[in-house]
C-alpha atoms as a PDB file:
ATOM      1  CA  MET A   1     120.282 109.640 128.361  1.00  0.00           C
ATOM      2  CA  LYS A   2     118.332 112.048 126.183  1.00  0.00           C
ATOM      3  CA  LYS A   3     116.983 110.963 123.133  1.00  0.00           C
ATOM      4  CA  ILE A   4     119.242 113.107 121.036  1.00  0.00           C
ATOM      5  CA  GLU A   5     122.235 111.833 122.772  1.00  0.00           C
ATOM      6  CA  ARG A   6     120.957 108.272 122.177  1.00  0.00           C
ATOM      7  CA  ALA A   7     120.416 108.701 118.581  1.00  0.00           C
ATOM      8  CA  GLU A   8     123.977 110.325 118.100  1.00  0.00           C
ATOM      9  CA  LYS A   9     125.632 107.637 119.675  1.00  0.00           C
ATOM     10  CA  LEU A  10     123.877 105.068 117.597  1.00  0.00           C
ATOM     11  CA  VAL A  11     124.893 106.864 114.347  1.00  0.00           C
ATOM     12  CA  GLN A  12     128.506 107.410 115.793  1.00  0.00           C
ATOM     13  CA  ASN A  13     128.592 103.630 116.283  1.00  0.00           C
ATOM     14  CA  HIS A  14     127.303 102.912 112.809  1.00  0.00           C
ATOM     15  CA  LEU A  15     128.849 105.956 110.698  1.00  0.00           C
ATOM     16  CA  ASN A  16     129.414 103.855 107.771  1.00  0.00           C
ATOM     17  CA  THR A  17     125.607 102.684 107.344  1.00  0.00           C
ATOM     18  CA  PHE A  18     124.781 106.041 106.155  1.00  0.00           C
ATOM     19  CA  ARG A  19     125.685 108.295 103.092  1.00  0.00           C
ATOM     20  CA  CYS A  20     124.770 111.753 101.929  1.00  0.00           C
ATOM     21  CA  PRO A  21     121.347 112.089 100.236  1.00  0.00           C
ATOM     22  CA  ILE A  22     122.884 114.974  98.068  1.00  0.00           C
ATOM     23  CA  CYS A  23     126.108 113.538  96.614  1.00  0.00           C
ATOM     24  CA  HIS A  24     125.838 109.759  97.851  1.00  0.00           C
ATOM     25  CA  GLN A  25     129.142 110.176  99.513  1.00  0.00           C
ATOM     26  CA  GLY A  26     129.724 108.460 103.122  1.00  0.00           C
ATOM     27  CA  TYR A  27     129.749 110.514 106.160  1.00  0.00           C
ATOM     28  CA  ILE A  28     133.006 111.082 107.839  1.00  0.00           C
ATOM     29  CA  LYS A  29     132.122 112.508 111.210  1.00  0.00           C
ATOM     30  CA  LEU A  30     129.689 113.621 113.626  1.00  0.00           C
ATOM     31  CA  THR A  31     130.591 117.160 115.116  1.00  0.00           C
ATOM     32  CA  GLY A  32     128.328 118.105 117.908  1.00  0.00           C
ATOM     33  CA  ASN A  33     124.710 117.491 116.525  1.00  0.00           C
ATOM     34  CA  THR A  34     125.874 117.887 112.749  1.00  0.00           C
ATOM     35  CA  LEU A  35     126.636 115.021 110.510  1.00  0.00           C
ATOM     36  CA  VAL A  36     129.269 115.729 107.767  1.00  0.00           C
ATOM     37  CA  CYS A  37     129.988 113.797 104.432  1.00  0.00           C
ATOM     38  CA  ALA A  38     132.992 113.601 102.460  1.00  0.00           C
ATOM     39  CA  GLU A  39     131.948 116.560 100.175  1.00  0.00           C
ATOM     40  CA  GLY A  40     131.171 118.841 103.092  1.00  0.00           C
ATOM     41  CA  HIS A  41     127.420 118.481 102.983  1.00  0.00           C
ATOM     42  CA  THR A  42     125.825 118.443 106.583  1.00  0.00           C
ATOM     43  CA  ILE A  43     122.699 117.739 108.570  1.00  0.00           C
ATOM     44  CA  ASP A  44     121.547 118.369 111.873  1.00  0.00           C
ATOM     45  CA  PHE A  45     119.877 116.340 114.529  1.00  0.00           C
ATOM     46  CA  ASN A  46     116.767 117.941 115.677  1.00  0.00           C
ATOM     47  CA  ARG A  47     115.398 118.320 119.013  1.00  0.00           C
ATOM     48  CA  HIS A  48     113.478 114.983 118.928  1.00  0.00           C
ATOM     49  CA  GLY A  49     116.841 112.971 118.171  1.00  0.00           C
ATOM     50  CA  TYR A  50     116.144 112.180 114.445  1.00  0.00           C
ATOM     51  CA  LEU A  51     117.749 113.099 111.084  1.00  0.00           C
ATOM     52  CA  HIS A  52     115.446 114.619 108.083  1.00  0.00           C
ATOM     53  CA  PHE A  53     117.157 113.317 104.984  1.00  0.00           C
ATOM     54  CA  LEU A  54     114.736 114.426 102.656  1.00  0.00           C
ATOM     55  CA  ASN A  55     115.897 117.033 100.192  1.00  0.00           C
ATOM     56  CA  THR A  56     112.193 118.482 100.037  1.00  0.00           C
ATOM     57  CA  GLN A  57     109.625 118.476 102.996  1.00  0.00           C
ATOM     58  CA  GLY A  58     107.844 115.463 101.927  1.00  0.00           C
ATOM     59  CA  THR A  59     103.858 115.148 102.277  1.00  0.00           C
ATOM     60  CA  THR A  60     101.721 112.492 103.364  1.00  0.00           C
ATOM     61  CA  GLU A  61      98.066 112.153 104.419  1.00  0.00           C
ATOM     62  CA  TYR A  62      99.133 110.072 107.684  1.00  0.00           C
ATOM     63  CA  ASP A  63      98.673 112.380 110.644  1.00  0.00           C
ATOM     64  CA  ARG A  64      99.533 112.152 114.147  1.00  0.00           C
ATOM     65  CA  LEU A  65      96.265 111.269 115.455  1.00  0.00           C
ATOM     66  CA  MET A  66      96.204 108.291 112.589  1.00  0.00           C
ATOM     67  CA  PHE A  67      99.591 107.132 114.135  1.00  0.00           C
ATOM     68  CA  LEU A  68      98.142 107.230 117.663  1.00  0.00           C
ATOM     69  CA  SER A  69      95.160 105.184 116.652  1.00  0.00           C
ATOM     70  CA  ARG A  70      97.707 102.578 115.093  1.00  0.00           C
ATOM     71  CA  ARG A  71     100.024 102.592 118.175  1.00  0.00           C
ATOM     72  CA  ARG A  72      97.355 101.860 120.355  1.00  0.00           C
ATOM     73  CA  LEU A  73      95.974  98.743 118.254  1.00  0.00           C
ATOM     74  CA  LEU A  74      99.428  97.349 117.802  1.00  0.00           C
ATOM     75  CA  GLU A  75     100.472  97.582 121.494  1.00  0.00           C
ATOM     76  CA  ALA A  76      96.931  95.765 122.141  1.00  0.00           C
ATOM     77  CA  GLY A  77      98.653  92.873 119.690  1.00  0.00           C
ATOM     78  CA  LEU A  78      97.153  93.735 116.306  1.00  0.00           C
ATOM     79  CA  PHE A  79     100.089  92.563 114.166  1.00  0.00           C
ATOM     80  CA  LYS A  80     102.017  90.595 117.016  1.00  0.00           C
ATOM     81  CA  PRO A  81     101.884  87.000 115.427  1.00  0.00           C
ATOM     82  CA  ILE A  82     103.372  88.717 112.211  1.00  0.00           C
ATOM     83  CA  ILE A  83     106.177  90.017 113.976  1.00  0.00           C
ATOM     84  CA  GLU A  84     106.600  86.715 116.095  1.00  0.00           C
ATOM     85  CA  LYS A  85     106.898  85.017 112.521  1.00  0.00           C
ATOM     86  CA  VAL A  86     109.247  87.460 111.403  1.00  0.00           C
ATOM     87  CA  ASN A  87     111.399  86.790 114.505  1.00  0.00           C
ATOM     88  CA  SER A  88     111.153  83.073 113.938  1.00  0.00           C
ATOM     89  CA  LEU A  89     112.821  83.478 110.534  1.00  0.00           C
ATOM     90  CA  LEU A  90     115.779  85.632 111.333  1.00  0.00           C
ATOM     91  CA  PRO A  91     119.075  84.502 112.520  1.00  0.00           C
ATOM     92  CA  THR A  92     119.983  84.320 116.030  1.00  0.00           C
ATOM     93  CA  SER A  93     123.218  85.999 115.370  1.00  0.00           C
ATOM     94  CA  PRO A  94     123.303  90.007 115.865  1.00  0.00           C
ATOM     95  CA  GLN A  95     121.574  91.548 112.682  1.00  0.00           C
ATOM     96  CA  SER A  96     121.326  94.968 111.153  1.00  0.00           C
ATOM     97  CA  ILE A  97     117.689  95.577 110.433  1.00  0.00           C
ATOM     98  CA  LEU A  98     116.199  98.139 108.181  1.00  0.00           C
ATOM     99  CA  ASP A  99     112.215  98.808 108.718  1.00  0.00           C
ATOM    100  CA  VAL A 100     110.673 100.394 105.444  1.00  0.00           C
ATOM    101  CA  GLY A 101     107.837 102.975 106.289  1.00  0.00           C
ATOM    102  CA  THR A 102     108.030 102.292 110.048  1.00  0.00           C
ATOM    103  CA  GLY A 103     105.369 104.589 110.970  1.00  0.00           C
ATOM    104  CA  GLU A 104     105.280 105.218 114.650  1.00  0.00           C
ATOM    105  CA  GLY A 105     107.785 102.324 115.219  1.00  0.00           C
ATOM    106  CA  THR A 106     105.917  99.981 117.192  1.00  0.00           C
ATOM    107  CA  PRO A 107     106.421  96.737 115.079  1.00  0.00           C
ATOM    108  CA  LEU A 108     110.061  97.459 115.152  1.00  0.00           C
ATOM    109  CA  ALA A 109     109.868  97.761 118.999  1.00  0.00           C
ATOM    110  CA  GLN A 110     108.110  94.283 119.270  1.00  0.00           C
ATOM    111  CA  LEU A 111     110.624  92.734 116.899  1.00  0.00           C
ATOM    112  CA  ALA A 112     113.466  94.068 119.132  1.00  0.00           C
ATOM    113  CA  ALA A 113     111.642  92.796 122.486  1.00  0.00           C
ATOM    114  CA  PHE A 114     111.290  89.213 121.050  1.00  0.00           C
ATOM    115  CA  ARG A 115     115.154  89.095 119.927  1.00  0.00           C
ATOM    116  CA  HIS A 116     116.950  90.448 122.930  1.00  0.00           C
ATOM    117  CA  HIS A 117     120.242  90.347 120.443  1.00  0.00           C
ATOM    118  CA  GLN A 118     122.873  93.048 119.944  1.00  0.00           C
ATOM    119  CA  ASP A 119     121.043  94.009 116.697  1.00  0.00           C
ATOM    120  CA  PHE A 120     121.084  97.183 115.063  1.00  0.00           C
ATOM    121  CA  TYR A 121     117.783  98.751 114.096  1.00  0.00           C
ATOM    122  CA  VAL A 122     116.942 101.810 111.673  1.00  0.00           C
ATOM    123  CA  GLY A 123     113.220 102.646 110.879  1.00  0.00           C
ATOM    124  CA  PHE A 124     112.528 105.375 108.330  1.00  0.00           C
ATOM    125  CA  ASP A 125     109.317 106.765 107.263  1.00  0.00           C
ATOM    126  CA  ILE A 126     108.283 109.971 105.191  1.00  0.00           C
ATOM    127  CA  SER A 127     105.975 111.149 107.743  1.00  0.00           C
ATOM    128  CA  LYS A 128     107.350 113.441 110.168  1.00  0.00           C
ATOM    129  CA  PRO A 129     104.503 112.935 112.937  1.00  0.00           C
ATOM    130  CA  GLY A 130     105.153 109.112 112.582  1.00  0.00           C
ATOM    131  CA  ILE A 131     109.011 109.400 113.358  1.00  0.00           C
ATOM    132  CA  THR A 132     108.538 111.886 116.139  1.00  0.00           C
ATOM    133  CA  LEU A 133     106.433 109.558 117.753  1.00  0.00           C
ATOM    134  CA  ALA A 134     108.749 106.486 116.980  1.00  0.00           C
ATOM    135  CA  THR A 135     111.630 108.362 118.796  1.00  0.00           C
ATOM    136  CA  GLN A 136     109.416 108.274 121.971  1.00  0.00           C
ATOM    137  CA  LEU A 137     109.637 104.590 122.157  1.00  0.00           C
ATOM    138  CA  ASP A 138     111.736 102.631 124.689  1.00  0.00           C
ATOM    139  CA  ILE A 139     114.078 101.121 122.009  1.00  0.00           C
ATOM    140  CA  ASP A 140     117.708 101.229 121.023  1.00  0.00           C
ATOM    141  CA  ALA A 141     117.086 102.049 117.460  1.00  0.00           C
ATOM    142  CA  PHE A 142     117.446 105.248 115.196  1.00  0.00           C
ATOM    143  CA  PHE A 143     114.747 106.617 113.254  1.00  0.00           C
ATOM    144  CA  CYS A 144     114.821 109.147 110.261  1.00  0.00           C
ATOM    145  CA  VAL A 145     112.506 110.542 107.817  1.00  0.00           C
ATOM    146  CA  ALA A 146     113.969 109.498 104.303  1.00  0.00           C
ATOM    147  CA  ASP A 147     112.881 108.608 100.747  1.00  0.00           C
ATOM    148  CA  LEU A 148     112.234 105.135  99.721  1.00  0.00           C
ATOM    149  CA  ARG A 149     113.387 105.968  96.244  1.00  0.00           C
ATOM    150  CA  GLN A 150     116.920 107.644  97.495  1.00  0.00           C
ATOM    151  CA  LEU A 151     117.627 105.649 100.634  1.00  0.00           C
ATOM    152  CA  PRO A 152     120.480 107.392 102.800  1.00  0.00           C
ATOM    153  CA  PHE A 153     122.308 104.314 103.651  1.00  0.00           C
ATOM    154  CA  ALA A 154     125.415 102.840 102.052  1.00  0.00           C
ATOM    155  CA  ASP A 155     125.555  99.809  99.660  1.00  0.00           C
ATOM    156  CA  GLN A 156     125.607  96.409 101.312  1.00  0.00           C
ATOM    157  CA  SER A 157     124.752  98.145 104.921  1.00  0.00           C
ATOM    158  CA  PHE A 158     121.773  95.757 105.953  1.00  0.00           C
ATOM    159  CA  ASP A 159     121.420  91.892 106.645  1.00  0.00           C
ATOM    160  CA  THR A 160     117.471  92.354 106.548  1.00  0.00           C
ATOM    161  CA  VAL A 161     115.120  94.935 104.917  1.00  0.00           C
ATOM    162  CA  LEU A 162     111.700  94.535 106.749  1.00  0.00           C
ATOM    163  CA  GLU A 163     108.583  95.911 104.946  1.00  0.00           C
ATOM    164  CA  LEU A 164     104.969  95.923 106.648  1.00  0.00           C
ATOM    165  CA  PHE A 165     102.327  96.995 104.106  1.00  0.00           C
ATOM    166  CA  SER A 166     104.615  99.948 102.579  1.00  0.00           C
ATOM    167  CA  PRO A 167     105.430 100.430  98.969  1.00  0.00           C
ATOM    168  CA  SER A 168     108.673  99.120  97.472  1.00  0.00           C
ATOM    169  CA  ASP A 169     111.762 100.291  95.458  1.00  0.00           C
ATOM    170  CA  TYR A 170     113.425  96.747  95.039  1.00  0.00           C
ATOM    171  CA  ARG A 171     116.578  98.322  93.168  1.00  0.00           C
ATOM    172  CA  GLU A 172     117.178 100.334  96.402  1.00  0.00           C
ATOM    173  CA  PHE A 173     116.541  97.445  98.729  1.00  0.00           C
ATOM    174  CA  ASN A 174     119.088  95.411  96.765  1.00  0.00           C
ATOM    175  CA  ARG A 175     121.514  98.287  96.731  1.00  0.00           C
ATOM    176  CA  VAL A 176     121.534  98.521 100.695  1.00  0.00           C
ATOM    177  CA  LEU A 177     121.166  94.682 101.415  1.00  0.00           C
ATOM    178  CA  LYS A 178     124.551  92.994 102.065  1.00  0.00           C
ATOM    179  CA  LYS A 179     125.419  89.861 100.085  1.00  0.00           C
ATOM    180  CA  ASN A 180     122.943  86.953 100.898  1.00  0.00           C
ATOM    181  CA  GLY A 181     121.034  89.496 102.648  1.00  0.00           C
ATOM    182  CA  ARG A 182     116.954  88.886 102.855  1.00  0.00           C
ATOM    183  CA  LEU A 183     114.068  91.000 102.234  1.00  0.00           C
ATOM    184  CA  MET A 184     110.936  90.305 104.268  1.00  0.00           C
ATOM    185  CA  LYS A 185     107.650  92.170 102.947  1.00  0.00           C
ATOM    186  CA  VAL A 186     104.325  91.811 104.354  1.00  0.00           C
ATOM    187  CA  ILE A 187     101.209  92.137 102.062  1.00  0.00           C
ATOM    188  CA  PRO A 188      97.358  91.878 102.633  1.00  0.00           C
ATOM    189  CA  ASN A 189      95.828  88.929 101.430  1.00  0.00           C
ATOM    190  CA  ALA A 190      91.947  88.804 100.306  1.00  0.00           C
ATOM    191  CA  ASP A 191      90.216  88.722 103.565  1.00  0.00           C
ATOM    192  CA  TYR A 192      92.617  91.279 105.314  1.00  0.00           C
ATOM    193  CA  LEU A 193      90.447  93.478 107.956  1.00  0.00           C
ATOM    194  CA  LEU A 194      87.377  91.780 106.196  1.00  0.00           C
ATOM    195  CA  GLU A 195      84.975  92.976 108.693  1.00  0.00           C
ATOM    196  CA  LEU A 196      85.987  96.633 108.632  1.00  0.00           C
ATOM    197  CA  ARG A 197      85.793  96.651 104.880  1.00  0.00           C
ATOM    198  CA  HIS A 198      82.405  95.221 104.834  1.00  0.00           C
ATOM    199  CA  LEU A 199      81.301  97.719 107.502  1.00  0.00           C
ATOM    200  CA  LEU A 200      82.649 100.535 105.638  1.00  0.00           C
ATOM    201  CA  TYR A 201      81.833  99.603 102.061  1.00  0.00           C
ATOM    202  CA  GLY A 202      79.074  96.923 102.267  1.00  0.00           C
ATOM    203  CA  ASN A 203      79.015  94.597  99.298  1.00  0.00           C
ATOM    204  CA  GLN A 204      80.882  96.974  96.824  1.00  0.00           C
ATOM    205  CA  ASP A 205      83.025  94.602  94.485  1.00  0.00           C
ATOM    206  CA  GLN A 206      85.938  96.723  94.500  1.00  0.00           C
ATOM    207  CA  HIS A 207      86.352  96.664  98.344  1.00  0.00           C
ATOM    208  CA  TYR A 208      84.726  93.523  99.360  1.00  0.00           C
ATOM    209  CA  HIS A 209      88.089  91.379  99.109  1.00  0.00           C
ATOM    210  CA  TYR A 210      91.647  92.907  98.539  1.00  0.00           C
ATOM    211  CA  ASP A 211      93.371  92.017  95.453  1.00  0.00           C
ATOM    212  CA  ASN A 212      97.181  91.601  95.861  1.00  0.00           C
ATOM    213  CA  GLY A 213      97.901  90.052  92.502  1.00  0.00           C
ATOM    214  CA  LYS A 214      99.755  92.978  90.908  1.00  0.00           C
ATOM    215  CA  VAL A 215     101.983  93.392  94.246  1.00  0.00           C
ATOM    216  CA  LEU A 216     102.844  89.797  94.391  1.00  0.00           C
ATOM    217  CA  LYS A 217     103.427  89.339  90.575  1.00  0.00           C
ATOM    218  CA  LEU A 218     106.144  92.214  90.833  1.00  0.00           C
ATOM    219  CA  PHE A 219     107.833  90.713  93.841  1.00  0.00           C
ATOM    220  CA  LYS A 220     108.177  87.598  92.165  1.00  0.00           C
ATOM    221  CA  GLN A 221     109.616  88.954  88.944  1.00  0.00           C
ATOM    222  CA  HIS A 222     112.238  90.538  91.313  1.00  0.00           C
ATOM    223  CA  TYR A 223     112.555  87.516  93.391  1.00  0.00           C
ATOM    224  CA  PRO A 224     111.295  84.371  91.437  1.00  0.00           C
ATOM    225  CA  ASP A 225     112.725  82.235  94.427  1.00  0.00           C
ATOM    226  CA  ALA A 226     110.766  83.791  97.026  1.00  0.00           C
ATOM    227  CA  LYS A 227     108.859  82.071  99.743  1.00  0.00           C
ATOM    228  CA  GLN A 228     105.115  83.223 100.408  1.00  0.00           C
ATOM    229  CA  ILE A 229     104.133  82.193 103.890  1.00  0.00           C
ATOM    230  CA  PRO A 230     100.333  82.905 104.628  1.00  0.00           C
ATOM    231  CA  ILE A 231      99.556  84.348 108.106  1.00  0.00           C
ATOM    232  CA  CYS A 232      95.619  84.465 109.178  1.00  0.00           C
ATOM    233  CA  TYR A 233      94.168  84.876 112.546  1.00  0.00           C
ATOM    234  CA  GLN A 234      91.375  86.524 114.294  1.00  0.00           C
ATOM    235  CA  PHE A 235      92.235  89.416 116.468  1.00  0.00           C
ATOM    236  CA  ASN A 236      89.783  90.329 119.343  1.00  0.00           C
ATOM    237  CA  LEU A 237      88.870  93.757 119.273  1.00  0.00           C
ATOM    238  CA  PRO A 238      88.578  95.653 122.571  1.00  0.00           C
ATOM    239  CA  HIS A 239      85.520  98.022 122.594  1.00  0.00           C
ATOM    240  CA  GLU A 240      87.410 101.115 123.417  1.00  0.00           C
ATOM    241  CA  LEU A 241      89.798 100.635 120.342  1.00  0.00           C
ATOM    242  CA  VAL A 242      86.818 100.041 117.857  1.00  0.00           C
ATOM    243  CA  THR A 243      87.239 103.901 116.718  1.00  0.00           C
ATOM    244  CA  ASP A 244      90.926 103.562 116.536  1.00  0.00           C
ATOM    245  CA  MET A 245      90.467 100.784 114.249  1.00  0.00           C
ATOM    246  CA  ILE A 246      88.447 102.728 111.980  1.00  0.00           C
ATOM    247  CA  LYS A 247      90.819 105.778 112.131  1.00  0.00           C
ATOM    248  CA  MET A 248      94.073 103.640 111.777  1.00  0.00           C
ATOM    249  CA  THR A 249      93.721 102.870 107.956  1.00  0.00           C
ATOM    250  CA  PRO A 250      93.119 104.868 104.964  1.00  0.00           C
ATOM    251  CA  MET A 251      90.344 102.506 104.120  1.00  0.00           C
ATOM    252  CA  SER A 252      88.227 105.151 106.058  1.00  0.00           C
ATOM    253  CA  TRP A 253      88.998 107.869 103.740  1.00  0.00           C
ATOM    254  CA  GLY A 254      86.857 106.718 100.673  1.00  0.00           C
ATOM    255  CA  ARG A 255      84.632 109.031  99.115  1.00  0.00           C
ATOM    256  CA  ASP A 256      81.573 106.633  99.073  1.00  0.00           C
ATOM    257  CA  VAL A 257      82.619 105.250 102.793  1.00  0.00           C
ATOM    258  CA  HIS A 258      79.637 104.512 105.182  1.00  0.00           C
ATOM    259  CA  GLN A 259      79.545 106.015 108.309  1.00  0.00           C
ATOM    260  CA  PRO A 260      78.959 103.267 111.080  1.00  0.00           C
ATOM    261  CA  THR A 261      75.896 103.438 113.387  1.00  0.00           C
ATOM    262  CA  GLY A 262      76.613 102.892 117.149  1.00  0.00           C
ATOM    263  CA  ASP A 263      74.881  99.591 116.775  1.00  0.00           C
ATOM    264  CA  GLU A 264      77.202  98.493 113.985  1.00  0.00           C
ATOM    265  CA  LEU A 265      80.293  99.684 116.010  1.00  0.00           C
ATOM    266  CA  GLU A 266      79.037  97.703 119.005  1.00  0.00           C
ATOM    267  CA  ASN A 267      78.907  94.516 116.661  1.00  0.00           C
ATOM    268  CA  LEU A 268      82.526  95.011 115.435  1.00  0.00           C
ATOM    269  CA  THR A 269      84.147  92.659 118.108  1.00  0.00           C
ATOM    270  CA  SER A 270      87.000  90.852 115.998  1.00  0.00           C
ATOM    271  CA  ILE A 271      89.151  91.539 112.891  1.00  0.00           C
ATOM    272  CA  THR A 272      90.683  89.218 110.475  1.00  0.00           C
ATOM    273  CA  VAL A 273      94.391  89.746 110.135  1.00  0.00           C
ATOM    274  CA  ASP A 274      94.932  87.861 106.680  1.00  0.00           C
ATOM    275  CA  VAL A 275      98.356  88.432 105.184  1.00  0.00           C
ATOM    276  CA  SER A 276     101.149  86.849 103.456  1.00  0.00           C
ATOM    277  CA  LEU A 277     104.926  87.158 104.650  1.00  0.00           C
ATOM    278  CA  LEU A 278     107.258  87.050 101.235  1.00  0.00           C
ATOM    279  CA  VAL A 279     110.795  86.157 102.195  1.00  0.00           C
ATOM    280  CA  ALA A 280     113.596  86.618  99.751  1.00  0.00           C
ATOM    281  CA  LYS A 281     117.247  86.565  99.128  1.00  0.00           C
ATOM    282  CA  LYS A 282     118.857  89.536  97.788  1.00  0.00           C
ATOM    283  CA  SER A 283     118.780  89.199  94.091  1.00  0.00           C
ATOM    284  CA  ASN A 284     122.079  89.773  91.943  1.00  0.00           C
END
């Protein structure tokens, strides 16, 4: 089955999940490659098999090369223990799962591979290069370009909202979550990618450790009963992926970033992954 045909079938089978970003009415039919809402607004599938829900083109500094670097590292297992923990906390019954800021889609594909359930997966991102790469994955999921602040999904349409290292809009998350739905958010802890941070910035105070205080405080304001689960491990970095490690993160974009020497790159053999998995029930 072609990518566009697979995507159209998923949307057709879950038509009630989506709503028009213009009028917020539900979609009522899929005619050919065109989705039509109750007010007559239309949106077409493109040749890659995704829908572009943004009312504007959207801008992002994340390009295709960055996403390719990230994919190679994720396929090598950089975030696999995180995905394993997420999977262990999900019910075994079929779930509808929304992946916020899905990027090139590998974490969602890894989660689907762990579960082997009849789940419905949707991943969205503001980046067209990321979503174009996501549609190339061998996963029965629907990907789209969308705005975090104006999600093109109906009220109470997902059991779980999953968010790895992405911005949040808690009002929208609560809107699209079903009653008793859960939000699972992964944020960096102090030692996240510590070796890379020190390589690129030395002992500069503002980069020496990551401070998640503001993000954590805001999350707990919205979800006072949330659980915070620490996940910390060492990832053995293959030599051929060292350059990808530097390219995959905006950390290397800083104005005062150090350009590593060949010897420094040779010595970068492992990376600390230090994160918190925040788990919360939908707030009323």
